[in-house]
Amino acid sequence: MTVQLRIGRKLLEAVHADLSRPHAHAAERVTFLSCRPSEIAAAGLLLIGVGVHPVAEEDYERDLTVGAMLGPGAFRQILQFAYNTSVTVFHVHRHEHHGRPWFSNFDLEEAKKYMPDFSKVRPGFPHGIIVLSHDSAAGLVWLPPSGVVRLSRITITGYPMQEIWNES
């Protein structure tokens, strides 16, 4: 199955602005992106970005072994939002470079731990993780019940329009 993300340039700029804010002890920021899912063909899914959900200052835990560690309050808030609203949720962070990013082993191991919680509060919906760089992005999507797939394409709408293709 192909999964595409479509996000408006202004919304993506808001994501980057949130991720650029300094924090008292975390070396990087995390934010959440909510999307509306829509089938585009028999074997395709389109996710349309609709909102940015910043993590509160107090929801970052002190952990010098990683760039950012979220406490349970951060997940509780976004899980409540997903429960109350029919949305797909992405956990988003940024690596500070240009070019195609990818997830660290820690990113992937932690995602395996918290992704099931999203499926519990909003069953049947895909949820995932996105890592940005300053000019590119990559993502993984947990698709019930089939498993994990890469975001095959990310389209940034607005001027200038941009497409990021993610080969397997």
N, C-alpha and C. Protein backbone atom coordinates (compact mmCIF):
# COMPACT_ATOMS: atom_id res chain seq x y z
N MET A 1 0.84 -1.19 0.00
CA MET A 1 0.00 0.00 0.00
C MET A 1 0.88 1.24 0.00
N THR A 2 0.50 2.21 -0.80
CA THR A 2 1.21 3.49 -0.79
C THR A 2 0.50 4.45 0.15
N VAL A 3 1.28 5.19 0.90
CA VAL A 3 0.74 6.19 1.82
C VAL A 3 1.42 7.51 1.51
N GLN A 4 0.59 8.51 1.23
CA GLN A 4 1.10 9.84 0.90
C GLN A 4 0.66 10.84 1.97
N LEU A 5 1.52 11.80 2.25
CA LEU A 5 1.19 12.90 3.15
C LEU A 5 1.15 14.17 2.33
N ARG A 6 0.09 14.93 2.50
CA ARG A 6 -0.02 16.25 1.87
C ARG A 6 -0.11 17.28 3.01
N ILE A 7 0.80 18.24 2.96
CA ILE A 7 0.83 19.26 4.02
C ILE A 7 1.03 20.63 3.38
N GLY A 8 0.28 21.60 3.84
CA GLY A 8 0.43 22.96 3.35
C GLY A 8 1.75 23.57 3.82
N ARG A 9 2.35 24.39 2.97
CA ARG A 9 3.63 25.02 3.31
C ARG A 9 3.55 25.79 4.62
N LYS A 10 2.46 26.54 4.84
CA LYS A 10 2.32 27.32 6.08
C LYS A 10 2.26 26.41 7.30
N LEU A 11 1.59 25.26 7.18
CA LEU A 11 1.53 24.31 8.28
C LEU A 11 2.91 23.71 8.54
N LEU A 12 3.63 23.37 7.48
CA LEU A 12 4.98 22.85 7.64
C LEU A 12 5.90 23.90 8.27
N GLU A 13 5.73 25.15 7.88
CA GLU A 13 6.52 26.22 8.50
C GLU A 13 6.20 26.34 9.99
N ALA A 14 4.94 26.13 10.36
CA ALA A 14 4.56 26.15 11.78
C ALA A 14 5.20 24.98 12.53
N VAL A 15 5.29 23.83 11.89
CA VAL A 15 5.97 22.67 12.49
C VAL A 15 7.44 23.03 12.73
N HIS A 16 8.11 23.55 11.70
CA HIS A 16 9.53 23.93 11.84
C HIS A 16 9.71 25.02 12.90
N ALA A 17 8.81 25.98 12.96
CA ALA A 17 8.91 27.03 13.97
C ALA A 17 8.82 26.44 15.37
N ASP A 18 7.90 25.50 15.57
CA ASP A 18 7.78 24.87 16.88
C ASP A 18 9.05 24.09 17.21
N LEU A 19 9.58 23.36 16.24
CA LEU A 19 10.78 22.55 16.47
C LEU A 19 12.02 23.41 16.66
N SER A 20 11.97 24.68 16.29
CA SER A 20 13.12 25.58 16.41
C SER A 20 13.19 26.30 17.76
N ARG A 21 12.13 26.22 18.55
CA ARG A 21 12.14 26.91 19.84
C ARG A 21 13.16 26.27 20.78
N PRO A 22 13.96 27.08 21.47
CA PRO A 22 14.90 26.50 22.44
C PRO A 22 14.15 25.96 23.66
N HIS A 23 14.76 25.00 24.34
CA HIS A 23 14.19 24.45 25.57
C HIS A 23 15.25 24.53 26.66
N ALA A 24 14.82 24.65 27.89
CA ALA A 24 15.74 24.81 29.02
C ALA A 24 16.71 23.64 29.16
N HIS A 25 16.25 22.41 28.89
CA HIS A 25 17.17 21.28 29.05
C HIS A 25 17.14 20.26 27.91
N ALA A 26 16.13 20.27 27.08
CA ALA A 26 16.10 19.34 25.95
C ALA A 26 16.94 19.90 24.80
N ALA A 27 17.68 19.04 24.14
CA ALA A 27 18.54 19.48 23.03
C ALA A 27 17.76 19.63 21.73
N GLU A 28 16.59 19.01 21.65
CA GLU A 28 15.74 19.16 20.46
C GLU A 28 14.29 19.16 20.90
N ARG A 29 13.43 19.55 19.98
CA ARG A 29 11.99 19.60 20.22
C ARG A 29 11.29 18.45 19.51
N VAL A 30 10.10 18.16 20.00
CA VAL A 30 9.18 17.21 19.37
C VAL A 30 7.84 17.92 19.27
N THR A 31 7.11 17.65 18.21
CA THR A 31 5.76 18.16 18.08
C THR A 31 4.90 17.05 17.49
N PHE A 32 3.61 17.24 17.49
CA PHE A 32 2.70 16.28 16.89
C PHE A 32 1.96 16.96 15.75
N LEU A 33 1.70 16.19 14.71
CA LEU A 33 0.98 16.65 13.53
C LEU A 33 -0.28 15.80 13.41
N SER A 34 -1.43 16.45 13.34
CA SER A 34 -2.68 15.71 13.13
C SER A 34 -3.04 15.79 11.65
N CYS A 35 -3.62 14.70 11.15
CA CYS A 35 -3.97 14.57 9.74
C CYS A 35 -5.34 13.93 9.59
N ARG A 36 -5.98 14.22 8.48
CA ARG A 36 -7.23 13.55 8.10
C ARG A 36 -6.89 12.50 7.06
N PRO A 37 -7.28 11.25 7.30
CA PRO A 37 -7.01 10.19 6.33
C PRO A 37 -8.09 10.12 5.26
N SER A 38 -7.68 9.72 4.04
CA SER A 38 -8.60 9.57 2.93
C SER A 38 -8.05 8.53 1.97
N GLU A 39 -8.89 7.59 1.54
CA GLU A 39 -8.44 6.61 0.55
C GLU A 39 -8.36 7.31 -0.80
N ILE A 40 -7.29 7.01 -1.58
CA ILE A 40 -7.15 7.62 -2.90
C ILE A 40 -7.28 6.61 -4.02
N ALA A 41 -7.15 5.35 -3.70
CA ALA A 41 -7.29 4.28 -4.69
C ALA A 41 -7.40 2.98 -3.91
N ALA A 42 -7.59 1.90 -4.60
CA ALA A 42 -7.73 0.61 -3.93
C ALA A 42 -6.53 0.29 -3.04
N ALA A 43 -5.35 0.72 -3.45
CA ALA A 43 -4.15 0.40 -2.68
C ALA A 43 -3.44 1.65 -2.18
N GLY A 44 -4.17 2.73 -1.95
CA GLY A 44 -3.49 3.95 -1.53
C GLY A 44 -4.23 4.71 -0.45
N LEU A 45 -3.47 5.47 0.31
CA LEU A 45 -4.02 6.26 1.40
C LEU A 45 -3.37 7.64 1.34
N LEU A 46 -4.18 8.67 1.48
CA LEU A 46 -3.72 10.05 1.51
C LEU A 46 -3.99 10.60 2.90
N LEU A 47 -2.97 11.16 3.52
CA LEU A 47 -3.10 11.80 4.83
C LEU A 47 -2.89 13.29 4.63
N ILE A 48 -3.86 14.09 5.06
CA ILE A 48 -3.80 15.53 4.85
C ILE A 48 -3.54 16.21 6.19
N GLY A 49 -2.39 16.91 6.28
CA GLY A 49 -2.03 17.60 7.51
C GLY A 49 -3.01 18.71 7.84
N VAL A 50 -3.48 18.73 9.09
CA VAL A 50 -4.46 19.75 9.49
C VAL A 50 -4.08 20.55 10.73
N GLY A 51 -3.15 20.05 11.55
CA GLY A 51 -2.85 20.79 12.77
C GLY A 51 -1.52 20.43 13.40
N VAL A 52 -0.93 21.40 14.10
CA VAL A 52 0.30 21.20 14.85
C VAL A 52 -0.06 21.24 16.33
N HIS A 53 0.51 20.32 17.10
CA HIS A 53 0.22 20.22 18.52
C HIS A 53 1.53 20.23 19.30
N PRO A 54 1.99 21.42 19.69
CA PRO A 54 3.27 21.54 20.40
C PRO A 54 3.26 20.79 21.74
N VAL A 55 4.40 20.31 22.13
CA VAL A 55 4.58 19.67 23.43
C VAL A 55 4.89 20.75 24.45
N ALA A 56 4.19 20.73 25.56
CA ALA A 56 4.39 21.73 26.62
C ALA A 56 5.78 21.62 27.23
N GLU A 57 6.31 22.75 27.67
CA GLU A 57 7.66 22.80 28.25
C GLU A 57 7.84 21.76 29.35
N GLU A 58 6.86 21.65 30.23
CA GLU A 58 6.98 20.75 31.38
C GLU A 58 6.86 19.27 31.02
N ASP A 59 6.50 18.97 29.78
CA ASP A 59 6.35 17.57 29.37
C ASP A 59 7.62 16.97 28.78
N TYR A 60 8.72 17.73 28.82
CA TYR A 60 10.03 17.18 28.45
C TYR A 60 10.73 16.71 29.72
N GLU A 61 11.22 15.48 29.69
CA GLU A 61 11.95 14.95 30.84
C GLU A 61 13.44 15.18 30.66
N ARG A 62 14.16 15.31 31.77
CA ARG A 62 15.62 15.45 31.70
C ARG A 62 16.22 14.08 31.38
N ASP A 63 16.93 14.01 30.27
CA ASP A 63 17.60 12.77 29.86
C ASP A 63 18.75 13.16 28.95
N LEU A 64 19.96 13.05 29.45
CA LEU A 64 21.13 13.49 28.69
C LEU A 64 21.57 12.50 27.63
N THR A 65 20.92 11.34 27.57
CA THR A 65 21.31 10.33 26.58
C THR A 65 20.62 10.51 25.23
N VAL A 66 19.60 11.37 25.17
CA VAL A 66 18.86 11.60 23.92
C VAL A 66 18.60 13.09 23.76
N GLY A 67 18.24 13.49 22.54
CA GLY A 67 17.96 14.89 22.27
C GLY A 67 16.73 15.40 22.99
N ALA A 68 15.70 14.56 23.06
CA ALA A 68 14.47 14.93 23.75
C ALA A 68 13.77 13.67 24.24
N MET A 69 13.30 13.71 25.47
CA MET A 69 12.54 12.61 26.04
C MET A 69 11.22 13.19 26.54
N LEU A 70 10.13 12.68 25.98
CA LEU A 70 8.82 13.16 26.39
C LEU A 70 8.30 12.37 27.57
N GLY A 71 7.67 13.08 28.49
CA GLY A 71 7.03 12.45 29.63
C GLY A 71 5.62 12.02 29.28
N PRO A 72 4.97 11.33 30.19
CA PRO A 72 3.63 10.81 29.92
C PRO A 72 2.59 11.90 29.65
N GLY A 73 2.79 13.10 30.19
CA GLY A 73 1.83 14.18 29.96
C GLY A 73 1.71 14.57 28.50
N ALA A 74 2.82 14.54 27.78
CA ALA A 74 2.80 14.88 26.35
C ALA A 74 1.95 13.88 25.58
N PHE A 75 2.13 12.61 25.89
CA PHE A 75 1.36 11.59 25.19
C PHE A 75 -0.10 11.59 25.63
N ARG A 76 -0.34 11.84 26.90
CA ARG A 76 -1.72 11.88 27.40
C ARG A 76 -2.53 12.95 26.67
N GLN A 77 -1.94 14.12 26.46
CA GLN A 77 -2.66 15.20 25.80
C GLN A 77 -2.98 14.88 24.34
N ILE A 78 -1.99 14.36 23.59
CA ILE A 78 -2.25 14.09 22.18
C ILE A 78 -3.14 12.86 22.01
N LEU A 79 -3.02 11.89 22.92
CA LEU A 79 -3.91 10.73 22.86
C LEU A 79 -5.36 11.15 23.14
N GLN A 80 -5.55 12.08 24.07
CA GLN A 80 -6.90 12.58 24.35
C GLN A 80 -7.45 13.30 23.13
N PHE A 81 -6.60 14.09 22.47
CA PHE A 81 -7.04 14.78 21.26
C PHE A 81 -7.44 13.78 20.18
N ALA A 82 -6.62 12.75 19.98
CA ALA A 82 -6.94 11.72 18.97
C ALA A 82 -8.22 10.98 19.33
N TYR A 83 -8.44 10.75 20.61
CA TYR A 83 -9.66 10.06 21.06
C TYR A 83 -10.90 10.91 20.76
N ASN A 84 -10.80 12.22 20.98
CA ASN A 84 -11.94 13.12 20.80
C ASN A 84 -12.16 13.56 19.35
N THR A 85 -11.16 13.40 18.51
CA THR A 85 -11.19 13.90 17.14
C THR A 85 -10.76 12.78 16.20
N SER A 86 -11.44 12.60 15.10
CA SER A 86 -11.09 11.54 14.15
C SER A 86 -9.87 11.94 13.32
N VAL A 87 -8.68 11.75 13.90
CA VAL A 87 -7.46 12.13 13.21
C VAL A 87 -6.40 11.05 13.32
N THR A 88 -5.50 11.09 12.37
CA THR A 88 -4.25 10.36 12.39
C THR A 88 -3.24 11.27 13.08
N VAL A 89 -2.32 10.70 13.86
CA VAL A 89 -1.32 11.51 14.56
C VAL A 89 0.07 11.05 14.18
N PHE A 90 0.94 12.04 13.92
CA PHE A 90 2.37 11.79 13.68
C PHE A 90 3.18 12.44 14.78
N HIS A 91 4.15 11.71 15.30
CA HIS A 91 5.18 12.22 16.20
C HIS A 91 6.27 12.78 15.28
N VAL A 92 6.63 14.04 15.44
CA VAL A 92 7.55 14.70 14.51
C VAL A 92 8.74 15.30 15.27
N HIS A 93 9.93 15.06 14.74
CA HIS A 93 11.12 15.76 15.24
C HIS A 93 12.03 16.06 14.05
N ARG A 94 13.11 16.79 14.31
CA ARG A 94 13.98 17.23 13.21
C ARG A 94 15.44 16.91 13.53
N HIS A 95 16.15 16.49 12.50
CA HIS A 95 17.60 16.36 12.57
C HIS A 95 18.20 17.60 11.91
N GLU A 96 19.18 18.18 12.55
CA GLU A 96 19.71 19.47 12.15
C GLU A 96 20.74 19.36 11.03
N HIS A 97 20.25 19.06 9.83
CA HIS A 97 21.11 18.99 8.65
C HIS A 97 20.24 19.19 7.42
N HIS A 98 20.87 19.23 6.25
CA HIS A 98 20.16 19.26 4.98
C HIS A 98 20.26 17.87 4.37
N GLY A 99 19.34 17.56 3.46
CA GLY A 99 19.36 16.26 2.81
C GLY A 99 18.38 15.30 3.47
N ARG A 100 18.32 14.11 2.92
CA ARG A 100 17.36 13.11 3.38
C ARG A 100 17.68 12.62 4.80
N PRO A 101 16.75 12.78 5.74
CA PRO A 101 16.98 12.29 7.10
C PRO A 101 16.50 10.84 7.24
N TRP A 102 16.89 10.20 8.31
CA TRP A 102 16.31 8.91 8.69
C TRP A 102 16.35 8.81 10.20
N PHE A 103 15.61 7.88 10.71
CA PHE A 103 15.45 7.70 12.15
C PHE A 103 16.66 7.01 12.77
N SER A 104 16.98 7.42 13.99
CA SER A 104 18.01 6.70 14.75
C SER A 104 17.40 5.39 15.26
N ASN A 105 18.26 4.49 15.69
CA ASN A 105 17.75 3.24 16.28
C ASN A 105 16.89 3.54 17.50
N PHE A 106 17.28 4.54 18.28
CA PHE A 106 16.49 4.92 19.45
C PHE A 106 15.10 5.41 19.03
N ASP A 107 15.04 6.24 17.98
CA ASP A 107 13.74 6.73 17.47
C ASP A 107 12.83 5.55 17.15
N LEU A 108 13.37 4.56 16.45
CA LEU A 108 12.57 3.42 16.01
C LEU A 108 12.13 2.54 17.18
N GLU A 109 13.02 2.32 18.13
CA GLU A 109 12.67 1.50 19.30
C GLU A 109 11.60 2.18 20.16
N GLU A 110 11.73 3.47 20.36
CA GLU A 110 10.73 4.19 21.16
C GLU A 110 9.38 4.23 20.45
N ALA A 111 9.38 4.41 19.14
CA ALA A 111 8.12 4.45 18.39
C ALA A 111 7.37 3.12 18.53
N LYS A 112 8.09 2.02 18.53
CA LYS A 112 7.45 0.71 18.71
C LYS A 112 6.72 0.63 20.04
N LYS A 113 7.20 1.38 21.03
CA LYS A 113 6.58 1.36 22.37
C LYS A 113 5.31 2.20 22.43
N TYR A 114 5.31 3.41 21.80
CA TYR A 114 4.15 4.29 21.96
C TYR A 114 3.13 4.21 20.83
N MET A 115 3.49 3.69 19.67
CA MET A 115 2.52 3.61 18.57
C MET A 115 1.27 2.78 18.90
N PRO A 116 1.40 1.67 19.64
CA PRO A 116 0.18 0.91 19.98
C PRO A 116 -0.85 1.73 20.76
N ASP A 117 -0.39 2.71 21.55
CA ASP A 117 -1.33 3.54 22.31
C ASP A 117 -2.23 4.36 21.38
N PHE A 118 -1.68 4.84 20.26
CA PHE A 118 -2.49 5.60 19.31
C PHE A 118 -3.55 4.70 18.67
N SER A 119 -3.17 3.46 18.38
CA SER A 119 -4.13 2.51 17.80
C SER A 119 -5.22 2.13 18.78
N LYS A 120 -4.92 2.21 20.07
CA LYS A 120 -5.94 1.90 21.08
C LYS A 120 -6.99 3.00 21.18
N VAL A 121 -6.55 4.26 21.12
CA VAL A 121 -7.52 5.36 21.28
C VAL A 121 -8.22 5.72 19.97
N ARG A 122 -7.59 5.42 18.84
CA ARG A 122 -8.20 5.70 17.53
C ARG A 122 -7.96 4.47 16.66
N PRO A 123 -8.67 3.34 16.99
CA PRO A 123 -8.46 2.10 16.23
C PRO A 123 -8.86 2.24 14.77
N GLY A 124 -8.15 1.51 13.93
CA GLY A 124 -8.44 1.53 12.50
C GLY A 124 -7.79 2.69 11.76
N PHE A 125 -7.21 3.63 12.48
CA PHE A 125 -6.55 4.78 11.85
C PHE A 125 -5.05 4.53 11.78
N PRO A 126 -4.41 4.98 10.71
CA PRO A 126 -2.95 4.91 10.67
C PRO A 126 -2.36 6.02 11.53
N HIS A 127 -1.22 5.74 12.12
CA HIS A 127 -0.47 6.74 12.90
C HIS A 127 1.00 6.54 12.58
N GLY A 128 1.84 7.53 12.86
CA GLY A 128 3.22 7.34 12.49
C GLY A 128 4.20 8.32 13.08
N ILE A 129 5.39 8.27 12.50
CA ILE A 129 6.49 9.13 12.92
C ILE A 129 7.08 9.79 11.67
N ILE A 130 7.51 11.02 11.84
CA ILE A 130 8.15 11.78 10.77
C ILE A 130 9.43 12.38 11.33
N VAL A 131 10.48 12.32 10.54
CA VAL A 131 11.71 13.03 10.87
C VAL A 131 11.96 14.01 9.73
N LEU A 132 12.20 15.25 10.10
CA LEU A 132 12.49 16.31 9.14
C LEU A 132 13.97 16.62 9.15
N SER A 133 14.45 17.16 8.05
CA SER A 133 15.73 17.86 8.03
C SER A 133 15.35 19.29 7.66
N HIS A 134 16.30 20.13 7.33
CA HIS A 134 15.95 21.50 6.96
C HIS A 134 15.33 21.60 5.57
N ASP A 135 15.48 20.56 4.74
CA ASP A 135 14.92 20.63 3.39
C ASP A 135 14.32 19.31 2.90
N SER A 136 14.13 18.34 3.78
CA SER A 136 13.57 17.06 3.36
C SER A 136 12.84 16.42 4.53
N ALA A 137 12.35 15.21 4.32
CA ALA A 137 11.60 14.51 5.36
C ALA A 137 11.50 13.03 5.02
N ALA A 138 11.19 12.25 6.03
CA ALA A 138 10.91 10.82 5.85
C ALA A 138 9.92 10.42 6.93
N GLY A 139 9.17 9.36 6.66
CA GLY A 139 8.20 8.93 7.65
C GLY A 139 7.88 7.46 7.56
N LEU A 140 7.38 6.95 8.68
CA LEU A 140 6.87 5.59 8.78
C LEU A 140 5.45 5.66 9.30
N VAL A 141 4.62 4.75 8.79
CA VAL A 141 3.21 4.73 9.16
C VAL A 141 2.84 3.33 9.62
N TRP A 142 2.20 3.25 10.78
CA TRP A 142 1.68 1.99 11.29
C TRP A 142 0.26 1.85 10.75
N LEU A 143 0.05 0.87 9.88
CA LEU A 143 -1.24 0.65 9.23
C LEU A 143 -1.94 -0.56 9.85
N PRO A 144 -3.05 -0.34 10.49
CA PRO A 144 -3.75 -1.51 11.03
C PRO A 144 -4.45 -2.27 9.90
N PRO A 145 -4.44 -3.54 9.84
CA PRO A 145 -3.65 -4.46 10.67
C PRO A 145 -2.38 -4.91 9.97
N SER A 146 -2.02 -4.29 8.84
CA SER A 146 -0.97 -4.83 7.98
C SER A 146 0.46 -4.57 8.44
N GLY A 147 0.72 -3.58 9.27
CA GLY A 147 2.08 -3.34 9.74
C GLY A 147 2.59 -1.95 9.41
N VAL A 148 3.91 -1.85 9.30
CA VAL A 148 4.58 -0.56 9.14
C VAL A 148 5.05 -0.39 7.70
N VAL A 149 4.76 0.78 7.11
CA VAL A 149 5.23 1.11 5.76
C VAL A 149 5.85 2.51 5.78
N ARG A 150 6.69 2.77 4.80
CA ARG A 150 7.25 4.11 4.64
C ARG A 150 6.21 5.03 4.01
N LEU A 151 6.26 6.30 4.39
CA LEU A 151 5.51 7.30 3.63
C LEU A 151 6.12 7.29 2.24
N SER A 152 5.33 7.03 1.22
CA SER A 152 5.89 6.92 -0.12
C SER A 152 6.13 8.28 -0.76
N ARG A 153 5.32 9.27 -0.38
CA ARG A 153 5.50 10.60 -0.94
C ARG A 153 4.96 11.63 0.04
N ILE A 154 5.69 12.73 0.13
CA ILE A 154 5.25 13.87 0.93
C ILE A 154 5.13 15.04 -0.04
N THR A 155 3.94 15.61 -0.13
CA THR A 155 3.70 16.75 -1.01
C THR A 155 3.48 17.98 -0.15
N ILE A 156 4.28 19.01 -0.40
CA ILE A 156 4.14 20.27 0.31
C ILE A 156 3.44 21.22 -0.65
N THR A 157 2.20 21.58 -0.32
CA THR A 157 1.41 22.44 -1.19
C THR A 157 1.68 23.90 -0.87
N GLY A 158 1.35 24.76 -1.80
CA GLY A 158 1.64 26.18 -1.67
C GLY A 158 2.80 26.51 -2.59
N TYR A 159 3.30 27.74 -2.45
CA TYR A 159 4.37 28.15 -3.35
C TYR A 159 5.70 28.16 -2.62
N PRO A 160 6.71 27.53 -3.15
CA PRO A 160 6.67 26.63 -4.29
C PRO A 160 6.23 25.24 -3.83
N MET A 161 5.49 24.54 -4.67
CA MET A 161 5.07 23.18 -4.37
C MET A 161 6.31 22.28 -4.41
N GLN A 162 6.34 21.28 -3.55
CA GLN A 162 7.51 20.40 -3.47
C GLN A 162 7.03 18.98 -3.21
N GLU A 163 7.70 18.01 -3.83
CA GLU A 163 7.41 16.61 -3.56
C GLU A 163 8.67 15.91 -3.11
N ILE A 164 8.53 15.12 -2.06
CA ILE A 164 9.63 14.32 -1.54
C ILE A 164 9.22 12.87 -1.71
N TRP A 165 9.99 12.13 -2.47
CA TRP A 165 9.71 10.71 -2.72
C TRP A 165 10.60 9.88 -1.81
N ASN A 166 10.03 8.89 -1.19
CA ASN A 166 10.78 8.02 -0.30
C ASN A 166 10.77 6.61 -0.84
N GLU A 167 11.86 6.21 -1.44
CA GLU A 167 11.98 4.86 -1.96
C GLU A 167 12.19 3.90 -0.80
N SER A 168 11.77 2.67 -0.98
CA SER A 168 11.95 1.64 0.05
C SER A 168 13.40 1.26 0.17
